[in-house]
């Protein structure tokens, strides 16, 4: 890459404002997950945060697959409602 090309490459790192906003959102999410009922928090953490498949979560938590799906749906809805009321 020549010097002219290097000058034209934009810095793709996030701005300090967007980094601070992301940190704030992550902190909020961590606190909101802690407030969920235990079954919802466990299912959400394993599936969404840890990236496990729903079947794996069901096996780990020794619960039927449909129960895990229900817990995840309820957790997502509770978090969404909380986020919307927090921002509104």
Protein backbone atom coordinates (compact mmCIF):
# COMPACT_ATOMS: atom_id res chain seq x y z
CA UNK A 1 0.00 0.00 0.00
CA UNK A 2 1.43 3.35 -0.97
CA UNK A 3 1.31 6.42 1.24
CA UNK A 4 -1.57 7.97 -0.71
CA UNK A 5 -3.69 4.84 -0.20
CA UNK A 6 -2.85 4.75 3.50
CA UNK A 7 -4.06 8.34 3.90
CA UNK A 8 -7.37 7.52 2.24
CA UNK A 9 -8.14 4.55 4.50
CA UNK A 10 -10.64 5.62 7.14
CA UNK A 11 -10.22 4.72 10.78
CA UNK A 12 -12.81 1.99 11.40
CA UNK A 13 -12.46 1.95 15.18
CA UNK A 14 -15.58 2.97 17.09
CA UNK A 15 -15.87 6.53 18.33
CA UNK A 16 -15.50 7.19 22.06
CA UNK A 17 -19.21 8.09 22.20
CA UNK A 18 -20.34 4.84 20.58
CA UNK A 19 -17.97 2.84 22.81
CA UNK A 20 -19.38 4.52 25.92
CA UNK A 21 -22.94 3.89 24.72
CA UNK A 22 -22.16 0.22 24.07
CA UNK A 23 -20.60 -0.13 27.53
CA UNK A 24 -23.70 1.45 29.07
CA UNK A 25 -25.99 -0.92 27.16
CA UNK A 26 -23.95 -3.97 28.19
CA UNK A 27 -24.05 -2.87 31.84
CA UNK A 28 -27.82 -2.38 31.61
CA UNK A 29 -28.29 -5.82 30.02
CA UNK A 30 -26.20 -7.55 32.68
CA UNK A 31 -28.29 -5.94 35.44
CA UNK A 32 -31.57 -6.71 33.65
CA UNK A 33 -30.67 -10.40 33.19
CA UNK A 34 -29.88 -10.67 36.91
CA UNK A 35 -33.43 -9.45 37.67
CA UNK A 36 -35.08 -12.14 35.51
CA UNK A 37 -36.59 -15.21 37.17
CA UNK A 38 -33.83 -17.83 37.54
CA UNK A 39 -35.08 -20.20 34.82
CA UNK A 40 -35.32 -17.35 32.32
CA UNK A 41 -31.92 -15.93 33.28
CA UNK A 42 -30.24 -19.33 32.92
CA UNK A 43 -31.84 -20.09 29.57
CA UNK A 44 -31.07 -16.58 28.23
CA UNK A 45 -27.48 -16.65 29.43
CA UNK A 46 -26.71 -20.06 27.96
CA UNK A 47 -28.53 -19.51 24.68
CA UNK A 48 -28.04 -15.85 23.85
CA UNK A 49 -24.89 -14.85 25.72
CA UNK A 50 -22.97 -18.14 25.54
CA UNK A 51 -24.32 -18.98 22.08
CA UNK A 52 -25.49 -22.51 22.83
CA UNK A 53 -28.16 -24.24 20.79
CA UNK A 54 -31.56 -24.50 22.44
CA UNK A 55 -31.29 -28.30 22.50
CA UNK A 56 -27.99 -28.03 24.40
CA UNK A 57 -29.56 -25.63 26.89
CA UNK A 58 -32.43 -28.06 27.46
CA UNK A 59 -29.97 -30.88 28.12
CA UNK A 60 -27.86 -28.82 30.53
CA UNK A 61 -30.86 -27.49 32.46
CA UNK A 62 -32.64 -30.87 32.28
CA UNK A 63 -35.83 -29.29 30.94
CA UNK A 64 -38.04 -30.07 27.96
CA UNK A 65 -37.15 -28.22 24.76
CA UNK A 66 -40.50 -26.40 24.68
CA UNK A 67 -39.98 -25.19 28.26
CA UNK A 68 -36.65 -23.65 27.25
CA UNK A 69 -38.28 -21.98 24.25
CA UNK A 70 -40.96 -20.54 26.53
CA UNK A 71 -38.38 -19.31 29.05
CA UNK A 72 -36.41 -17.62 26.26
CA UNK A 73 -39.51 -15.99 24.81
CA UNK A 74 -40.52 -14.67 28.23
CA UNK A 75 -36.99 -13.45 28.97
CA UNK A 76 -36.76 -11.60 25.66
CA UNK A 77 -40.15 -9.98 26.19
CA UNK A 78 -39.32 -8.94 29.76
CA UNK A 79 -35.98 -7.48 28.65
CA UNK A 80 -37.60 -5.66 25.73
CA UNK A 81 -40.33 -4.20 27.95
CA UNK A 82 -37.74 -3.14 30.52
CA UNK A 83 -35.51 -1.58 27.86
CA UNK A 84 -38.40 0.34 26.32
CA UNK A 85 -39.60 1.67 29.67
CA UNK A 86 -36.01 2.57 30.60
CA UNK A 87 -35.51 4.56 27.38
CA UNK A 88 -38.98 6.12 27.32
